Amino acid sequence: MRYIEAAARIKATREAVRNQWRVDDVISKVKAKARSVDFPEDLVEQVYATLVEGSIQHEDRRWVASKGEN
């Protein structure tokens, strides 16, 4: 969580909190790893999508709190 909160402090704009390219990159990489170890890709995708979205929401809340905006 410290890294997420640090990222919220250093990002200049709220729009920078959600980086869809980065989300897609992370999901793609974990799906490739799942394939390589014969693990269900759909399960990995669901788990990571939930984890990433929760992290983004947390970072967004921290960004708003650190900037005093809504």
C-alpha atoms as a PDB file:
ATOM      1  CA  MET A   1       0.000   0.000   0.000  1.00  0.00           C
ATOM      2  CA  ARG A   2       2.871   2.386   0.618  1.00  0.00           C
ATOM      3  CA  TYR A   3       3.790   2.305  -3.065  1.00  0.00           C
ATOM      4  CA  ILE A   4       0.209   2.995  -4.126  1.00  0.00           C
ATOM      5  CA  GLU A   5      -0.017   5.895  -1.696  1.00  0.00           C
ATOM      6  CA  ALA A   6       3.357   7.256  -2.826  1.00  0.00           C
ATOM      7  CA  ALA A   7       2.205   7.097  -6.443  1.00  0.00           C
ATOM      8  CA  ALA A   8      -0.898   9.086  -5.520  1.00  0.00           C
ATOM      9  CA  ARG A   9       1.255  11.818  -4.011  1.00  0.00           C
ATOM     10  CA  ILE A  10       3.546  12.212  -7.015  1.00  0.00           C
ATOM     11  CA  LYS A  11       1.028  12.074  -9.863  1.00  0.00           C
ATOM     12  CA  ALA A  12       0.217  15.540 -11.111  1.00  0.00           C
ATOM     13  CA  THR A  13      -3.298  14.858 -12.355  1.00  0.00           C
ATOM     14  CA  ARG A  14      -6.151  12.650 -11.278  1.00  0.00           C
ATOM     15  CA  GLU A  15      -6.332  11.247 -14.807  1.00  0.00           C
ATOM     16  CA  ALA A  16      -2.811   9.881 -14.353  1.00  0.00           C
ATOM     17  CA  VAL A  17      -4.042   7.579 -11.580  1.00  0.00           C
ATOM     18  CA  ARG A  18      -5.770   5.276 -14.085  1.00  0.00           C
ATOM     19  CA  ASN A  19      -3.385   4.194 -16.829  1.00  0.00           C
ATOM     20  CA  GLN A  20      -5.281   1.724 -18.996  1.00  0.00           C
ATOM     21  CA  TRP A  21      -2.162   0.800 -20.949  1.00  0.00           C
ATOM     22  CA  ARG A  22      -0.473  -0.277 -17.695  1.00  0.00           C
ATOM     23  CA  VAL A  23      -3.551  -2.224 -16.552  1.00  0.00           C
ATOM     24  CA  ASP A  24      -3.675  -4.086 -19.872  1.00  0.00           C
ATOM     25  CA  ASP A  25       0.071  -4.765 -19.706  1.00  0.00           C
ATOM     26  CA  VAL A  26      -0.115  -6.255 -16.201  1.00  0.00           C
ATOM     27  CA  ILE A  27      -3.108  -8.450 -17.072  1.00  0.00           C
ATOM     28  CA  SER A  28      -1.437  -9.617 -20.271  1.00  0.00           C
ATOM     29  CA  LYS A  29       1.733 -10.584 -18.418  1.00  0.00           C
ATOM     30  CA  VAL A  30      -0.024 -12.553 -15.675  1.00  0.00           C
ATOM     31  CA  LYS A  31      -2.139 -14.368 -18.253  1.00  0.00           C
ATOM     32  CA  ALA A  32       1.021 -15.336 -20.146  1.00  0.00           C
ATOM     33  CA  LYS A  33       2.566 -16.626 -16.925  1.00  0.00           C
ATOM     34  CA  ALA A  34      -0.602 -18.585 -16.138  1.00  0.00           C
ATOM     35  CA  ARG A  35      -0.437 -20.196 -19.589  1.00  0.00           C
ATOM     36  CA  SER A  36       3.194 -21.146 -19.043  1.00  0.00           C
ATOM     37  CA  VAL A  37       2.359 -23.028 -15.832  1.00  0.00           C
ATOM     38  CA  ASP A  38      -0.939 -24.491 -17.077  1.00  0.00           C
ATOM     39  CA  PHE A  39      -3.068 -22.370 -14.746  1.00  0.00           C
ATOM     40  CA  PRO A  40      -6.521 -21.093 -15.800  1.00  0.00           C
ATOM     41  CA  GLU A  41      -6.039 -17.746 -17.540  1.00  0.00           C
ATOM     42  CA  ASP A  42      -9.606 -16.652 -16.892  1.00  0.00           C
ATOM     43  CA  LEU A  43      -9.164 -17.108 -13.144  1.00  0.00           C
ATOM     44  CA  VAL A  44      -5.894 -15.159 -13.117  1.00  0.00           C
ATOM     45  CA  GLU A  45      -7.500 -12.400 -15.170  1.00  0.00           C
ATOM     46  CA  GLN A  46     -10.449 -12.102 -12.758  1.00  0.00           C
ATOM     47  CA  VAL A  47      -8.231 -12.047  -9.679  1.00  0.00           C
ATOM     48  CA  TYR A  48      -5.776  -9.509 -11.074  1.00  0.00           C
ATOM     49  CA  ALA A  49      -8.510  -7.316 -12.566  1.00  0.00           C
ATOM     50  CA  THR A  50     -10.098  -7.118  -9.105  1.00  0.00           C
ATOM     51  CA  LEU A  51      -6.749  -6.448  -7.427  1.00  0.00           C
ATOM     52  CA  VAL A  52      -5.732  -3.773  -9.921  1.00  0.00           C
ATOM     53  CA  GLU A  53      -9.120  -2.037  -9.838  1.00  0.00           C
ATOM     54  CA  GLY A  54      -9.100  -1.970  -6.040  1.00  0.00           C
ATOM     55  CA  SER A  55      -5.583  -0.544  -6.093  1.00  0.00           C
ATOM     56  CA  ILE A  56      -6.606   2.153  -8.568  1.00  0.00           C
ATOM     57  CA  GLN A  57      -9.600   3.101  -6.450  1.00  0.00           C
ATOM     58  CA  HIS A  58      -7.414   3.319  -3.341  1.00  0.00           C
ATOM     59  CA  GLU A  59      -4.855   5.431  -5.174  1.00  0.00           C
ATOM     60  CA  ASP A  60      -7.619   7.704  -6.489  1.00  0.00           C
ATOM     61  CA  ARG A  61      -8.959   8.266  -2.969  1.00  0.00           C
ATOM     62  CA  ARG A  62      -5.453   9.048  -1.735  1.00  0.00           C
ATOM     63  CA  TRP A  63      -4.819  11.368  -4.684  1.00  0.00           C
ATOM     64  CA  VAL A  64      -7.987  13.316  -3.893  1.00  0.00           C
ATOM     65  CA  ALA A  65      -7.065  13.473  -0.200  1.00  0.00           C
ATOM     66  CA  SER A  66      -3.533  14.673  -0.924  1.00  0.00           C
ATOM     67  CA  LYS A  67      -4.658  17.359  -3.347  1.00  0.00           C
ATOM     68  CA  GLY A  68      -7.763  18.446  -1.454  1.00  0.00           C
ATOM     69  CA  GLU A  69      -9.985  17.929  -4.491  1.00  0.00           C
ATOM     70  CA  ASN A  70     -13.142  15.931  -5.218  1.00  0.00           C
END
